[in-house]
Structure formats: structure tokens, C-alpha cells
Amino acid sequence: MILPTLEPIRDEDLPEFCRFLHENLSRERSVEEWAKAFAQHWCPSKPNNGFLIRHQGRIVGGIGAIYAERSVRGRLERFCNITSWCVLDAFRAQSVRLAMAVAAQPGFHFTDLTPTEVVSKTLQFLKFKPMNERHTILPNLPWPLVRLGGIRVLSDPAQIGLLLGPDDAKAYRDHRHLPWLRHLAVGVTDAWCYVVWKRTRLKGITGAVIIALSDAELFLRYRMALGSYLLVHHGLLYTRVESRLLPRLPALSIELLGYRSKVFRSDTLTAADMSNLYSELVALDL
């Protein structure tokens, strides 16, 4: 019996691999949408786009990888975000080969931010750790003291990039082309928090979900001004943010359970260092 071959997904393999994902993982997402997710310029020296297995010349399984370089506490770190793990039923025995191949690459911190329960357990077998799955809900309330406090919320693209520090400005430039993301800066003259958010619904109620925030302490300091802005300008009644991104639960908040645990593997970084940016959570409109 001829065993399936394991191969890296090269750029020239992407059309075929993305067609495989469209046909076998989600037909709701076009081949072009899959391909754009892997075509981000977030890592100048990405080694591949993941790994695939072939049998008699055709793709029968694969695991995608989105690579990025970003600064963490002043040091440039390299990340590999695992995504779109799909193997045909007849070849499920080959699945772990894919995960082991991508996770064996040296020099990277690894994440999977949208794992199924089965994927999460499999990756934990490979020494991945689960992150805190709880989410914090903050009510968006009108706050008439915003102007008196001097706090501003700015969403003008021309202003955001000028106000942020170098690392946050780079993150903004790296993600501003993705139309489903919203960006803003909230703060005062010398202390700005960069926030990336999307509209969401919870039990039929529309709110904002925070994808990323640059400074958790500043986010908590400015939360009333931010909530008032989202309520008045966007009609959003609450803000939802992953509890792992916050140093503590603020007043007037509730915490919800039951979300899917994201997983990561790193020898030097913690769960709080794992960003939702530079991943399938933003490269795809999820």
C-alpha cells in the first residue's frame, strides 16, 4: 500500500489547497476568501502555509498556518497560527502527522484560536495549553463627563496612525485593509489605547466584541468613554471582551462561561501575550 505523502503548502499550492477547504470544510467560504487569508504579509520569511497530505496525487488532508512577526514587550517574536485543519474520513489516521509537522517547526510560538473540541484535545496532547475561555460583558452607558475628562475616541484613519506608538501603529497598518474590522484610539494627549472591534450579537442583542486592545489598564481607565461612544455613535448596548485580556474584572461587569477554549504553546510567553491579531480570527470574517 502506498502511504500518503506529507508536504509543506507552498504559495503555488494555495489555489488547490483552498479549493480542498472550500469543498470539504466550508462551502460558505469561497476559494478566493480562503486564499486571501493565507496571503497576508505579516511574516517576511514565512516557511510555508501549513502542511498537506496527498494520496495518488490529490490532496486528502491539510492543516493551514498563518505566520506573523510582532513585538511583545519590546522584543520581536515569531508566531504560527494553526487554522483550517481538515482531513478526509478515509485518511483520518494521518491527521496527527499534520499537527506534529506544523508544531515541530522551531522558533515559533503557536496558537489555535478557533479549535473544535476534538482539535483542542489533540493539540493539548502535543503540549498546547488552554487559555481562559471566559468573556466579560460591560454595559455601554451614556457618560456626560467624557468631554470634561478630556478623553477622546477617534476613528478617523488619518488620525489613528499618527497617535499610536510604533508597535500599535504597525498593527494598525497591518490590519486596516480588512473591511470587517473596526479601529479606534481612545485616550488623552499622551496616553492612547488602540482598540480593534467588530459588531456582534448575544441573545439577539447587538454589541461590540473587542478583538484586540493595546493596553489593558488604559482600556479599563477609558471604558466608560468607549462604551458611551459605542452606544451613541453605533447603537451598541454592550462591549464583550475576553477575560484573559484584562488584568481584573471591572465594576458593573458580568462574566460569561461556555466559550470555546483557545490554545497556545510557548516556552517563554503567557496566554496574555497571545493576540487575536495576525490570525485566522481577523484574516477571515469570522
C-alpha atoms as a PDB file:
ATOM      1  CA  MET A   1       0.000   0.000   0.000  1.00  0.00           C
ATOM      2  CA  ILE A   2       1.330   3.463  -0.931  1.00  0.00           C
ATOM      3  CA  LEU A   3       1.281   5.756   2.101  1.00  0.00           C
ATOM      4  CA  PRO A   4       0.100   9.368   1.677  1.00  0.00           C
ATOM      5  CA  THR A   5       2.920  11.882   1.387  1.00  0.00           C
ATOM      6  CA  LEU A   6       3.340  14.845   3.724  1.00  0.00           C
ATOM      7  CA  GLU A   7       4.281  18.144   2.051  1.00  0.00           C
ATOM      8  CA  PRO A   8       4.541  21.830   3.013  1.00  0.00           C
ATOM      9  CA  ILE A   9       1.888  24.054   1.463  1.00  0.00           C
ATOM     10  CA  ARG A  10       3.777  26.365  -0.895  1.00  0.00           C
ATOM     11  CA  ASP A  11       2.255  29.547  -2.279  1.00  0.00           C
ATOM     12  CA  GLU A  12       1.720  27.788  -5.602  1.00  0.00           C
ATOM     13  CA  ASP A  13      -0.243  25.054  -3.773  1.00  0.00           C
ATOM     14  CA  LEU A  14      -2.703  27.534  -2.254  1.00  0.00           C
ATOM     15  CA  PRO A  15      -5.308  27.502  -5.071  1.00  0.00           C
ATOM     16  CA  GLU A  16      -5.554  23.711  -4.865  1.00  0.00           C
ATOM     17  CA  PHE A  17      -5.496  23.625  -1.056  1.00  0.00           C
ATOM     18  CA  CYS A  18      -8.092  26.393  -0.747  1.00  0.00           C
ATOM     19  CA  ARG A  19     -10.339  24.581  -3.212  1.00  0.00           C
ATOM     20  CA  PHE A  20      -9.993  21.499  -0.979  1.00  0.00           C
ATOM     21  CA  LEU A  21     -11.045  23.589   2.051  1.00  0.00           C
ATOM     22  CA  HIS A  22     -13.990  25.067   0.139  1.00  0.00           C
ATOM     23  CA  GLU A  23     -15.223  21.630  -0.890  1.00  0.00           C
ATOM     24  CA  ASN A  24     -14.595  19.769   2.359  1.00  0.00           C
ATOM     25  CA  LEU A  25     -14.501  22.240   5.258  1.00  0.00           C
ATOM     26  CA  SER A  26     -16.858  25.129   4.451  1.00  0.00           C
ATOM     27  CA  ARG A  27     -18.624  25.829   1.176  1.00  0.00           C
ATOM     28  CA  GLU A  28     -19.859  29.086   2.680  1.00  0.00           C
ATOM     29  CA  ARG A  29     -16.352  30.492   2.180  1.00  0.00           C
ATOM     30  CA  SER A  30     -15.096  30.883  -1.382  1.00  0.00           C
ATOM     31  CA  VAL A  31     -11.757  29.631  -2.656  1.00  0.00           C
ATOM     32  CA  GLU A  32     -10.681  33.265  -3.026  1.00  0.00           C
ATOM     33  CA  GLU A  33     -11.585  34.078   0.594  1.00  0.00           C
ATOM     34  CA  TRP A  34      -9.545  31.134   1.851  1.00  0.00           C
ATOM     35  CA  ALA A  35      -6.601  32.170  -0.328  1.00  0.00           C
ATOM     36  CA  LYS A  36      -6.642  35.788   0.883  1.00  0.00           C
ATOM     37  CA  ALA A  37      -6.425  34.611   4.494  1.00  0.00           C
ATOM     38  CA  PHE A  38      -3.085  32.935   3.783  1.00  0.00           C
ATOM     39  CA  ALA A  39      -1.801  35.808   1.638  1.00  0.00           C
ATOM     40  CA  GLN A  40      -1.257  38.282   4.480  1.00  0.00           C
ATOM     41  CA  HIS A  41       2.171  39.931   4.563  1.00  0.00           C
ATOM     42  CA  TRP A  42       2.718  39.501   8.271  1.00  0.00           C
ATOM     43  CA  CYS A  43       5.897  37.420   8.208  1.00  0.00           C
ATOM     44  CA  PRO A  44       8.569  38.262   5.627  1.00  0.00           C
ATOM     45  CA  SER A  45      10.182  34.827   5.893  1.00  0.00           C
ATOM     46  CA  LYS A  46       7.199  32.503   6.334  1.00  0.00           C
ATOM     47  CA  PRO A  47       8.342  28.908   5.784  1.00  0.00           C
ATOM     48  CA  ASN A  48       5.084  27.641   4.259  1.00  0.00           C
ATOM     49  CA  ASN A  49       1.300  27.968   4.564  1.00  0.00           C
ATOM     50  CA  GLY A  50       0.939  24.809   6.630  1.00  0.00           C
ATOM     51  CA  PHE A  51       1.154  21.178   5.551  1.00  0.00           C
ATOM     52  CA  LEU A  52      -0.912  18.865   3.389  1.00  0.00           C
ATOM     53  CA  ILE A  53      -1.093  15.158   2.658  1.00  0.00           C
ATOM     54  CA  ARG A  54      -1.503  13.721  -0.816  1.00  0.00           C
ATOM     55  CA  HIS A  55      -2.614  10.309  -1.948  1.00  0.00           C
ATOM     56  CA  GLN A  56      -2.101   9.346  -5.551  1.00  0.00           C
ATOM     57  CA  GLY A  57      -1.532  12.968  -6.484  1.00  0.00           C
ATOM     58  CA  ARG A  58      -4.606  14.562  -4.870  1.00  0.00           C
ATOM     59  CA  ILE A  59      -4.936  16.440  -1.587  1.00  0.00           C
ATOM     60  CA  VAL A  60      -6.725  14.348   1.039  1.00  0.00           C
ATOM     61  CA  GLY A  61      -5.968  16.499   4.083  1.00  0.00           C
ATOM     62  CA  GLY A  62      -4.229  19.598   5.288  1.00  0.00           C
ATOM     63  CA  ILE A  63      -3.601  21.996   8.126  1.00  0.00           C
ATOM     64  CA  GLY A  64      -3.200  25.703   7.453  1.00  0.00           C
ATOM     65  CA  ALA A  65      -0.732  28.053   9.122  1.00  0.00           C
ATOM     66  CA  ILE A  66      -0.689  31.858   9.234  1.00  0.00           C
ATOM     67  CA  TYR A  67       2.670  33.290  10.279  1.00  0.00           C
ATOM     68  CA  ALA A  68       3.480  36.654  11.780  1.00  0.00           C
ATOM     69  CA  GLU A  69       6.240  38.650  13.390  1.00  0.00           C
ATOM     70  CA  ARG A  70       5.198  41.126  16.073  1.00  0.00           C
ATOM     71  CA  SER A  71       6.723  42.882  19.018  1.00  0.00           C
ATOM     72  CA  VAL A  72       5.973  41.606  22.524  1.00  0.00           C
ATOM     73  CA  ARG A  73       7.329  43.757  25.352  1.00  0.00           C
ATOM     74  CA  GLY A  74       9.930  45.282  23.049  1.00  0.00           C
ATOM     75  CA  ARG A  75      11.145  42.008  21.548  1.00  0.00           C
ATOM     76  CA  LEU A  76      10.337  40.721  18.063  1.00  0.00           C
ATOM     77  CA  GLU A  77       8.620  37.331  18.320  1.00  0.00           C
ATOM     78  CA  ARG A  78       7.519  34.879  15.623  1.00  0.00           C
ATOM     79  CA  PHE A  79       4.071  33.267  15.712  1.00  0.00           C
ATOM     80  CA  CYS A  80       2.434  30.389  13.887  1.00  0.00           C
ATOM     81  CA  ASN A  81      -1.353  30.389  13.970  1.00  0.00           C
ATOM     82  CA  ILE A  82      -2.842  26.980  13.181  1.00  0.00           C
ATOM     83  CA  THR A  83      -6.111  27.001  11.234  1.00  0.00           C
ATOM     84  CA  SER A  84      -8.352  25.062   8.871  1.00  0.00           C
ATOM     85  CA  TRP A  85      -7.373  21.518   9.839  1.00  0.00           C
ATOM     86  CA  CYS A  86      -9.306  19.214   7.522  1.00  0.00           C
ATOM     87  CA  VAL A  87      -8.728  15.553   6.605  1.00  0.00           C
ATOM     88  CA  LEU A  88     -10.982  13.260   4.583  1.00  0.00           C
ATOM     89  CA  ASP A  89     -12.574  10.460   6.614  1.00  0.00           C
ATOM     90  CA  ALA A  90     -10.659   7.696   4.851  1.00  0.00           C
ATOM     91  CA  PHE A  91      -7.362   9.311   5.881  1.00  0.00           C
ATOM     92  CA  ARG A  92      -8.103  10.402   9.459  1.00  0.00           C
ATOM     93  CA  ALA A  93      -5.243   8.226  10.691  1.00  0.00           C
ATOM     94  CA  GLN A  94      -2.909  10.732   9.059  1.00  0.00           C
ATOM     95  CA  SER A  95      -4.301  13.733  10.967  1.00  0.00           C
ATOM     96  CA  VAL A  96      -1.755  13.792  13.772  1.00  0.00           C
ATOM     97  CA  ARG A  97       1.092  13.793  11.229  1.00  0.00           C
ATOM     98  CA  LEU A  98      -0.128  17.194  10.093  1.00  0.00           C
ATOM     99  CA  ALA A  99      -0.293  18.666  13.588  1.00  0.00           C
ATOM    100  CA  MET A 100       3.110  17.267  14.525  1.00  0.00           C
ATOM    101  CA  ALA A 101       4.665  18.667  11.344  1.00  0.00           C
ATOM    102  CA  VAL A 102       3.449  22.224  11.907  1.00  0.00           C
ATOM    103  CA  ALA A 103       4.161  22.203  15.661  1.00  0.00           C
ATOM    104  CA  ALA A 104       7.673  20.781  15.193  1.00  0.00           C
ATOM    105  CA  GLN A 105       8.896  23.922  13.456  1.00  0.00           C
ATOM    106  CA  PRO A 106      11.472  25.684  15.654  1.00  0.00           C
ATOM    107  CA  GLY A 107      11.487  29.357  16.544  1.00  0.00           C
ATOM    108  CA  PHE A 108       7.737  29.951  16.734  1.00  0.00           C
ATOM    109  CA  HIS A 109       5.070  30.458  19.363  1.00  0.00           C
ATOM    110  CA  PHE A 110       1.935  28.534  18.347  1.00  0.00           C
ATOM    111  CA  THR A 111      -1.769  29.314  18.651  1.00  0.00           C
ATOM    112  CA  ASP A 112      -5.077  27.866  17.558  1.00  0.00           C
ATOM    113  CA  LEU A 113      -7.800  30.414  18.246  1.00  0.00           C
ATOM    114  CA  THR A 114     -10.795  28.588  16.741  1.00  0.00           C
ATOM    115  CA  PRO A 115     -10.310  24.911  17.645  1.00  0.00           C
ATOM    116  CA  THR A 116     -13.114  22.406  17.816  1.00  0.00           C
ATOM    117  CA  GLU A 117     -13.237  20.323  20.984  1.00  0.00           C
ATOM    118  CA  VAL A 118     -11.507  17.432  19.208  1.00  0.00           C
ATOM    119  CA  VAL A 119      -8.784  19.689  17.810  1.00  0.00           C
ATOM    120  CA  SER A 120      -8.261  21.321  21.203  1.00  0.00           C
ATOM    121  CA  LYS A 121      -7.767  17.954  22.913  1.00  0.00           C
ATOM    122  CA  THR A 122      -5.427  16.761  20.178  1.00  0.00           C
ATOM    123  CA  LEU A 123      -3.265  19.862  20.438  1.00  0.00           C
ATOM    124  CA  GLN A 124      -3.215  19.636  24.229  1.00  0.00           C
ATOM    125  CA  PHE A 125      -1.773  16.134  23.754  1.00  0.00           C
ATOM    126  CA  LEU A 126       1.028  17.949  21.877  1.00  0.00           C
ATOM    127  CA  LYS A 127       1.635  20.179  24.943  1.00  0.00           C
ATOM    128  CA  PHE A 128      -0.602  23.086  23.945  1.00  0.00           C
ATOM    129  CA  LYS A 129      -2.257  24.865  26.886  1.00  0.00           C
ATOM    130  CA  PRO A 130      -5.873  26.093  27.061  1.00  0.00           C
ATOM    131  CA  MET A 131      -6.495  29.787  27.643  1.00  0.00           C
ATOM    132  CA  ASN A 132      -9.151  31.266  29.901  1.00  0.00           C
ATOM    133  CA  GLU A 133     -12.370  30.875  27.898  1.00  0.00           C
ATOM    134  CA  ARG A 134     -14.450  33.354  29.912  1.00  0.00           C
ATOM    135  CA  HIS A 135     -15.734  36.601  28.433  1.00  0.00           C
ATOM    136  CA  THR A 136     -16.503  39.826  30.298  1.00  0.00           C
ATOM    137  CA  ILE A 137     -19.600  41.850  29.384  1.00  0.00           C
ATOM    138  CA  LEU A 138     -19.582  45.604  30.011  1.00  0.00           C
ATOM    139  CA  PRO A 139     -22.740  47.694  29.589  1.00  0.00           C
ATOM    140  CA  ASN A 140     -22.408  50.668  27.261  1.00  0.00           C
ATOM    141  CA  LEU A 141     -23.861  53.622  29.153  1.00  0.00           C
ATOM    142  CA  PRO A 142     -24.171  57.325  28.296  1.00  0.00           C
ATOM    143  CA  TRP A 143     -21.439  59.214  30.102  1.00  0.00           C
ATOM    144  CA  PRO A 144     -21.845  63.004  30.057  1.00  0.00           C
ATOM    145  CA  LEU A 145     -18.445  63.554  31.717  1.00  0.00           C
ATOM    146  CA  VAL A 146     -16.464  62.376  28.695  1.00  0.00           C
ATOM    147  CA  ARG A 147     -15.664  65.878  27.477  1.00  0.00           C
ATOM    148  CA  LEU A 148     -14.849  67.146  30.964  1.00  0.00           C
ATOM    149  CA  GLY A 149     -12.304  64.364  31.391  1.00  0.00           C
ATOM    150  CA  GLY A 150     -10.596  65.252  28.135  1.00  0.00           C
ATOM    151  CA  ILE A 151     -10.933  61.697  26.871  1.00  0.00           C
ATOM    152  CA  ARG A 152     -11.383  61.372  23.131  1.00  0.00           C
ATOM    153  CA  VAL A 153     -12.444  58.437  20.983  1.00  0.00           C
ATOM    154  CA  LEU A 154     -11.070  58.728  17.457  1.00  0.00           C
ATOM    155  CA  SER A 155     -11.934  56.546  14.487  1.00  0.00           C
ATOM    156  CA  ASP A 156     -10.555  58.708  11.668  1.00  0.00           C
ATOM    157  CA  PRO A 157      -7.899  56.600   9.859  1.00  0.00           C
ATOM    158  CA  ALA A 158      -5.790  59.700   9.226  1.00  0.00           C
ATOM    159  CA  GLN A 159      -5.582  60.366  12.967  1.00  0.00           C
ATOM    160  CA  ILE A 160      -5.255  56.850  14.380  1.00  0.00           C
ATOM    161  CA  GLY A 161      -1.960  56.042  12.732  1.00  0.00           C
ATOM    162  CA  LEU A 162      -0.405  59.318  13.929  1.00  0.00           C
ATOM    163  CA  LEU A 163      -1.457  58.984  17.569  1.00  0.00           C
ATOM    164  CA  LEU A 164      -0.251  55.457  18.264  1.00  0.00           C
ATOM    165  CA  GLY A 165       3.179  54.268  19.299  1.00  0.00           C
ATOM    166  CA  PRO A 166       5.346  52.424  16.765  1.00  0.00           C
ATOM    167  CA  ASP A 167       4.177  48.877  17.581  1.00  0.00           C
ATOM    168  CA  ASP A 168       0.490  49.778  17.692  1.00  0.00           C
ATOM    169  CA  ALA A 169       0.778  51.858  14.534  1.00  0.00           C
ATOM    170  CA  LYS A 170       2.304  48.856  12.765  1.00  0.00           C
ATOM    171  CA  ALA A 171      -0.532  46.615  13.960  1.00  0.00           C
ATOM    172  CA  TYR A 172      -2.989  49.177  12.623  1.00  0.00           C
ATOM    173  CA  ARG A 173      -1.261  49.302   9.226  1.00  0.00           C
ATOM    174  CA  ASP A 174      -1.128  45.501   9.091  1.00  0.00           C
ATOM    175  CA  HIS A 175      -4.897  45.139   9.622  1.00  0.00           C
ATOM    176  CA  ARG A 176      -6.600  48.257   8.286  1.00  0.00           C
ATOM    177  CA  HIS A 177      -7.191  46.638   4.871  1.00  0.00           C
ATOM    178  CA  LEU A 178      -9.553  44.035   6.372  1.00  0.00           C
ATOM    179  CA  PRO A 179     -13.043  45.522   5.875  1.00  0.00           C
ATOM    180  CA  TRP A 180     -14.796  43.605   8.667  1.00  0.00           C
ATOM    181  CA  LEU A 181     -12.585  45.115  11.387  1.00  0.00           C
ATOM    182  CA  ARG A 182     -13.216  48.473  13.106  1.00  0.00           C
ATOM    183  CA  HIS A 183     -10.352  50.504  14.569  1.00  0.00           C
ATOM    184  CA  LEU A 184     -10.231  53.328  17.072  1.00  0.00           C
ATOM    185  CA  ALA A 185      -7.959  55.083  19.515  1.00  0.00           C
ATOM    186  CA  VAL A 186      -9.277  56.149  22.905  1.00  0.00           C
ATOM    187  CA  GLY A 187      -7.397  58.308  25.372  1.00  0.00           C
ATOM    188  CA  VAL A 188      -5.792  61.634  26.068  1.00  0.00           C
ATOM    189  CA  THR A 189      -2.854  63.522  24.573  1.00  0.00           C
ATOM    190  CA  ASP A 190      -0.027  61.266  25.752  1.00  0.00           C
ATOM    191  CA  ALA A 191      -1.820  58.015  26.613  1.00  0.00           C
ATOM    192  CA  TRP A 192      -3.777  56.232  23.886  1.00  0.00           C
ATOM    193  CA  CYS A 193      -5.257  52.754  23.776  1.00  0.00           C
ATOM    194  CA  TYR A 194      -5.618  51.159  20.350  1.00  0.00           C
ATOM    195  CA  VAL A 195      -8.790  49.062  20.056  1.00  0.00           C
ATOM    196  CA  VAL A 196      -9.880  46.681  17.289  1.00  0.00           C
ATOM    197  CA  TRP A 197     -13.536  45.626  17.391  1.00  0.00           C
ATOM    198  CA  LYS A 198     -16.434  44.131  15.446  1.00  0.00           C
ATOM    199  CA  ARG A 199     -20.195  44.153  15.755  1.00  0.00           C
ATOM    200  CA  THR A 200     -21.642  41.050  17.414  1.00  0.00           C
ATOM    201  CA  ARG A 201     -24.904  39.694  18.762  1.00  0.00           C
ATOM    202  CA  LEU A 202     -25.592  37.980  22.071  1.00  0.00           C
ATOM    203  CA  LYS A 203     -29.067  36.558  22.656  1.00  0.00           C
ATOM    204  CA  GLY A 204     -30.361  38.787  19.876  1.00  0.00           C
ATOM    205  CA  ILE A 205     -28.848  41.976  21.318  1.00  0.00           C
ATOM    206  CA  THR A 206     -26.281  43.872  19.265  1.00  0.00           C
ATOM    207  CA  GLY A 207     -22.997  44.869  20.851  1.00  0.00           C
ATOM    208  CA  ALA A 208     -19.286  45.211  20.218  1.00  0.00           C
ATOM    209  CA  VAL A 209     -16.725  42.444  20.637  1.00  0.00           C
ATOM    210  CA  ILE A 210     -13.165  43.540  21.283  1.00  0.00           C
ATOM    211  CA  ILE A 211     -10.708  41.711  19.032  1.00  0.00           C
ATOM    212  CA  ALA A 212      -7.609  43.376  20.432  1.00  0.00           C
ATOM    213  CA  LEU A 213      -6.548  46.171  22.778  1.00  0.00           C
ATOM    214  CA  SER A 214      -3.089  47.592  23.122  1.00  0.00           C
ATOM    215  CA  ASP A 215      -3.091  48.438  26.840  1.00  0.00           C
ATOM    216  CA  ALA A 216      -5.425  46.681  29.257  1.00  0.00           C
ATOM    217  CA  GLU A 217      -5.001  49.241  32.056  1.00  0.00           C
ATOM    218  CA  LEU A 218      -5.814  52.128  29.731  1.00  0.00           C
ATOM    219  CA  PHE A 219      -8.752  50.188  28.325  1.00  0.00           C
ATOM    220  CA  LEU A 220     -10.213  49.849  31.832  1.00  0.00           C
ATOM    221  CA  ARG A 221      -9.484  53.504  32.601  1.00  0.00           C
ATOM    222  CA  TYR A 222     -11.320  54.663  29.472  1.00  0.00           C
ATOM    223  CA  ARG A 223     -14.054  52.014  29.374  1.00  0.00           C
ATOM    224  CA  MET A 224     -16.864  54.432  30.234  1.00  0.00           C
ATOM    225  CA  ALA A 225     -15.865  56.830  27.454  1.00  0.00           C
ATOM    226  CA  LEU A 226     -15.515  53.949  24.996  1.00  0.00           C
ATOM    227  CA  GLY A 227     -18.865  52.452  25.990  1.00  0.00           C
ATOM    228  CA  SER A 228     -20.592  55.806  25.641  1.00  0.00           C
ATOM    229  CA  TYR A 229     -19.095  56.250  22.158  1.00  0.00           C
ATOM    230  CA  LEU A 230     -20.222  52.785  21.024  1.00  0.00           C
ATOM    231  CA  LEU A 231     -23.726  53.419  22.370  1.00  0.00           C
ATOM    232  CA  VAL A 232     -24.202  56.926  20.973  1.00  0.00           C
ATOM    233  CA  HIS A 233     -22.464  56.534  17.607  1.00  0.00           C
ATOM    234  CA  HIS A 234     -23.166  52.883  16.811  1.00  0.00           C
ATOM    235  CA  GLY A 235     -26.220  51.983  18.917  1.00  0.00           C
ATOM    236  CA  LEU A 236     -24.385  49.117  20.638  1.00  0.00           C
ATOM    237  CA  LEU A 237     -25.651  48.197  24.095  1.00  0.00           C
ATOM    238  CA  TYR A 238     -22.669  46.296  25.478  1.00  0.00           C
ATOM    239  CA  THR A 239     -18.998  45.545  24.966  1.00  0.00           C
ATOM    240  CA  ARG A 240     -17.691  41.979  25.158  1.00  0.00           C
ATOM    241  CA  VAL A 241     -14.025  41.242  25.765  1.00  0.00           C
ATOM    242  CA  GLU A 242     -12.113  38.079  26.601  1.00  0.00           C
ATOM    243  CA  SER A 243     -11.360  37.994  30.320  1.00  0.00           C
ATOM    244  CA  ARG A 244      -7.817  36.796  29.624  1.00  0.00           C
ATOM    245  CA  LEU A 245      -7.046  40.184  28.064  1.00  0.00           C
ATOM    246  CA  LEU A 246      -7.941  42.078  31.259  1.00  0.00           C
ATOM    247  CA  PRO A 247      -5.894  42.333  34.484  1.00  0.00           C
ATOM    248  CA  ARG A 248      -9.073  42.246  36.569  1.00  0.00           C
ATOM    249  CA  LEU A 249     -12.852  42.350  36.241  1.00  0.00           C
ATOM    250  CA  PRO A 250     -14.116  45.941  36.285  1.00  0.00           C
ATOM    251  CA  ALA A 251     -17.133  47.165  38.201  1.00  0.00           C
ATOM    252  CA  LEU A 252     -20.523  46.873  36.502  1.00  0.00           C
ATOM    253  CA  SER A 253     -19.477  43.808  34.554  1.00  0.00           C
ATOM    254  CA  ILE A 254     -20.538  40.193  34.345  1.00  0.00           C
ATOM    255  CA  GLU A 255     -18.529  37.200  33.246  1.00  0.00           C
ATOM    256  CA  LEU A 256     -19.897  34.541  30.914  1.00  0.00           C
ATOM    257  CA  LEU A 257     -18.789  30.910  30.628  1.00  0.00           C
ATOM    258  CA  GLY A 258     -19.162  28.367  27.880  1.00  0.00           C
ATOM    259  CA  TYR A 259     -16.931  29.793  25.183  1.00  0.00           C
ATOM    260  CA  ARG A 260     -14.545  27.546  23.269  1.00  0.00           C
ATOM    261  CA  SER A 261     -11.056  27.441  24.787  1.00  0.00           C
ATOM    262  CA  LYS A 262      -8.292  28.770  22.592  1.00  0.00           C
ATOM    263  CA  VAL A 263      -4.943  27.002  22.928  1.00  0.00           C
ATOM    264  CA  PHE A 264      -1.302  28.003  22.652  1.00  0.00           C
ATOM    265  CA  ARG A 265       2.199  26.631  23.070  1.00  0.00           C
ATOM    266  CA  SER A 266       5.191  28.732  24.039  1.00  0.00           C
ATOM    267  CA  ASP A 267       8.250  28.277  26.201  1.00  0.00           C
ATOM    268  CA  THR A 268       8.532  31.954  27.113  1.00  0.00           C
ATOM    269  CA  LEU A 269       5.211  33.754  26.599  1.00  0.00           C
ATOM    270  CA  THR A 270       1.923  33.552  28.500  1.00  0.00           C
ATOM    271  CA  ALA A 271      -1.700  33.419  27.365  1.00  0.00           C
ATOM    272  CA  ALA A 272      -1.966  37.182  27.846  1.00  0.00           C
ATOM    273  CA  ASP A 273       0.697  37.610  25.153  1.00  0.00           C
ATOM    274  CA  MET A 274      -1.330  35.712  22.550  1.00  0.00           C
ATOM    275  CA  SER A 275      -3.083  38.252  20.352  1.00  0.00           C
ATOM    276  CA  ASN A 276      -6.177  37.699  18.239  1.00  0.00           C
ATOM    277  CA  LEU A 277      -4.495  39.850  15.603  1.00  0.00           C
ATOM    278  CA  TYR A 278      -2.299  38.215  12.968  1.00  0.00           C
ATOM    279  CA  SER A 279      -4.539  35.140  12.953  1.00  0.00           C
ATOM    280  CA  GLU A 280      -7.477  33.475  11.218  1.00  0.00           C
ATOM    281  CA  LEU A 281      -9.774  35.407  13.578  1.00  0.00           C
ATOM    282  CA  VAL A 282      -9.001  38.548  11.596  1.00  0.00           C
ATOM    283  CA  ALA A 283      -7.746  37.169   8.265  1.00  0.00           C
ATOM    284  CA  LEU A 284     -11.196  35.612   7.809  1.00  0.00           C
ATOM    285  CA  ASP A 285     -14.518  37.292   8.550  1.00  0.00           C
ATOM    286  CA  LEU A 286     -15.441  35.001  11.447  1.00  0.00           C
END
